[in-house]
Amino acid sequence: MNARFTLDYWRDGEWFVGRLREVPGVFSQGETLSVLEANIKDAYRLVMADQKPVRRSTKSKKVLIVA
């Protein structure tokens, strides 16, 4: 499966640190931006591999949250 996500990243000292905006919990770091990109892809794959299948009886609903 191919998908595109937004990588938000920033500098923290000598490191690039980043997260995938659309996938909560996927964070990584790297000494260069290209290393961060490779590491964030690995982190995404690990998180997705750890996900349990959604049961068929599961329902979902959109909710409005006002901040």
C-alpha atoms as a PDB file:
ATOM      1  CA  MET A   1       0.000   0.000   0.000  1.00  0.00           C
ATOM      2  CA  ASN A   2       1.329   3.419  -0.950  1.00  0.00           C
ATOM      3  CA  ALA A   3       0.208   6.478   0.977  1.00  0.00           C
ATOM      4  CA  ARG A   4       1.370  10.059   1.346  1.00  0.00           C
ATOM      5  CA  PHE A   5       1.584  11.722   4.739  1.00  0.00           C
ATOM      6  CA  THR A   6       2.744  15.103   5.988  1.00  0.00           C
ATOM      7  CA  LEU A   7       6.082  15.031   7.815  1.00  0.00           C
ATOM      8  CA  ASP A   8       6.251  17.862  10.355  1.00  0.00           C
ATOM      9  CA  TYR A   9       9.870  18.289  11.453  1.00  0.00           C
ATOM     10  CA  TRP A  10      12.071  20.591  13.483  1.00  0.00           C
ATOM     11  CA  ARG A  11      15.654  20.882  14.692  1.00  0.00           C
ATOM     12  CA  ASP A  12      16.526  19.847  18.219  1.00  0.00           C
ATOM     13  CA  GLY A  13      20.193  20.640  18.642  1.00  0.00           C
ATOM     14  CA  GLU A  14      22.073  18.522  16.110  1.00  0.00           C
ATOM     15  CA  TRP A  15      19.044  16.327  15.301  1.00  0.00           C
ATOM     16  CA  PHE A  16      16.053  16.522  13.004  1.00  0.00           C
ATOM     17  CA  VAL A  17      12.932  15.365  14.868  1.00  0.00           C
ATOM     18  CA  GLY A  18       9.634  14.699  13.158  1.00  0.00           C
ATOM     19  CA  ARG A  19       6.151  13.251  13.268  1.00  0.00           C
ATOM     20  CA  LEU A  20       3.551  12.192  10.752  1.00  0.00           C
ATOM     21  CA  ARG A  21       0.721  14.696  11.079  1.00  0.00           C
ATOM     22  CA  GLU A  22      -2.004  12.264   9.982  1.00  0.00           C
ATOM     23  CA  VAL A  23      -0.839   9.285  12.073  1.00  0.00           C
ATOM     24  CA  PRO A  24      -0.768   9.946  15.832  1.00  0.00           C
ATOM     25  CA  GLY A  25       2.131   8.345  17.654  1.00  0.00           C
ATOM     26  CA  VAL A  26       4.541   8.105  14.716  1.00  0.00           C
ATOM     27  CA  PHE A  27       7.641  10.087  15.706  1.00  0.00           C
ATOM     28  CA  SER A  28      11.318   9.652  14.859  1.00  0.00           C
ATOM     29  CA  GLN A  29      14.631  11.467  14.574  1.00  0.00           C
ATOM     30  CA  GLY A  30      17.759  11.501  12.442  1.00  0.00           C
ATOM     31  CA  GLU A  31      21.085  13.274  12.106  1.00  0.00           C
ATOM     32  CA  THR A  32      20.028  14.524   8.648  1.00  0.00           C
ATOM     33  CA  LEU A  33      16.666  15.179   7.037  1.00  0.00           C
ATOM     34  CA  SER A  34      17.096  12.188   4.717  1.00  0.00           C
ATOM     35  CA  VAL A  35      17.868   9.913   7.689  1.00  0.00           C
ATOM     36  CA  LEU A  36      14.780  11.270   9.466  1.00  0.00           C
ATOM     37  CA  GLU A  37      12.674  10.455   6.385  1.00  0.00           C
ATOM     38  CA  ALA A  38      13.983   6.871   6.317  1.00  0.00           C
ATOM     39  CA  ASN A  39      13.466   6.482  10.076  1.00  0.00           C
ATOM     40  CA  ILE A  40       9.916   7.887  10.003  1.00  0.00           C
ATOM     41  CA  LYS A  41       9.003   5.390   7.257  1.00  0.00           C
ATOM     42  CA  ASP A  42      10.328   2.556   9.432  1.00  0.00           C
ATOM     43  CA  ALA A  43       8.414   3.908  12.443  1.00  0.00           C
ATOM     44  CA  TYR A  44       5.205   4.034  10.376  1.00  0.00           C
ATOM     45  CA  ARG A  45       5.660   0.440   9.194  1.00  0.00           C
ATOM     46  CA  LEU A  46       6.261  -0.745  12.770  1.00  0.00           C
ATOM     47  CA  VAL A  47       3.159   1.029  14.075  1.00  0.00           C
ATOM     48  CA  MET A  48       1.010  -0.349  11.244  1.00  0.00           C
ATOM     49  CA  ALA A  49       2.358  -3.892  11.725  1.00  0.00           C
ATOM     50  CA  ASP A  50       1.426  -3.686  15.410  1.00  0.00           C
ATOM     51  CA  GLN A  51      -2.190  -2.662  14.732  1.00  0.00           C
ATOM     52  CA  LYS A  52      -4.833  -5.239  15.449  1.00  0.00           C
ATOM     53  CA  PRO A  53      -7.539  -5.758  12.823  1.00  0.00           C
ATOM     54  CA  VAL A  54     -10.735  -3.823  13.473  1.00  0.00           C
ATOM     55  CA  ARG A  55     -13.610  -6.085  14.431  1.00  0.00           C
ATOM     56  CA  ARG A  56     -16.506  -6.084  11.988  1.00  0.00           C
ATOM     57  CA  SER A  57     -18.970  -5.008  14.684  1.00  0.00           C
ATOM     58  CA  THR A  58     -17.060  -1.764  15.234  1.00  0.00           C
ATOM     59  CA  LYS A  59     -18.921   1.417  14.320  1.00  0.00           C
ATOM     60  CA  SER A  60     -17.592   4.929  13.930  1.00  0.00           C
ATOM     61  CA  LYS A  61     -19.031   8.407  14.122  1.00  0.00           C
ATOM     62  CA  LYS A  62     -17.620  11.866  13.442  1.00  0.00           C
ATOM     63  CA  VAL A  63     -17.818  14.229  16.408  1.00  0.00           C
ATOM     64  CA  LEU A  64     -17.354  17.980  16.650  1.00  0.00           C
ATOM     65  CA  ILE A  65     -14.819  19.162  19.215  1.00  0.00           C
ATOM     66  CA  VAL A  66     -14.766  22.885  19.892  1.00  0.00           C
ATOM     67  CA  ALA A  67     -11.509  24.157  21.359  1.00  0.00           C
END
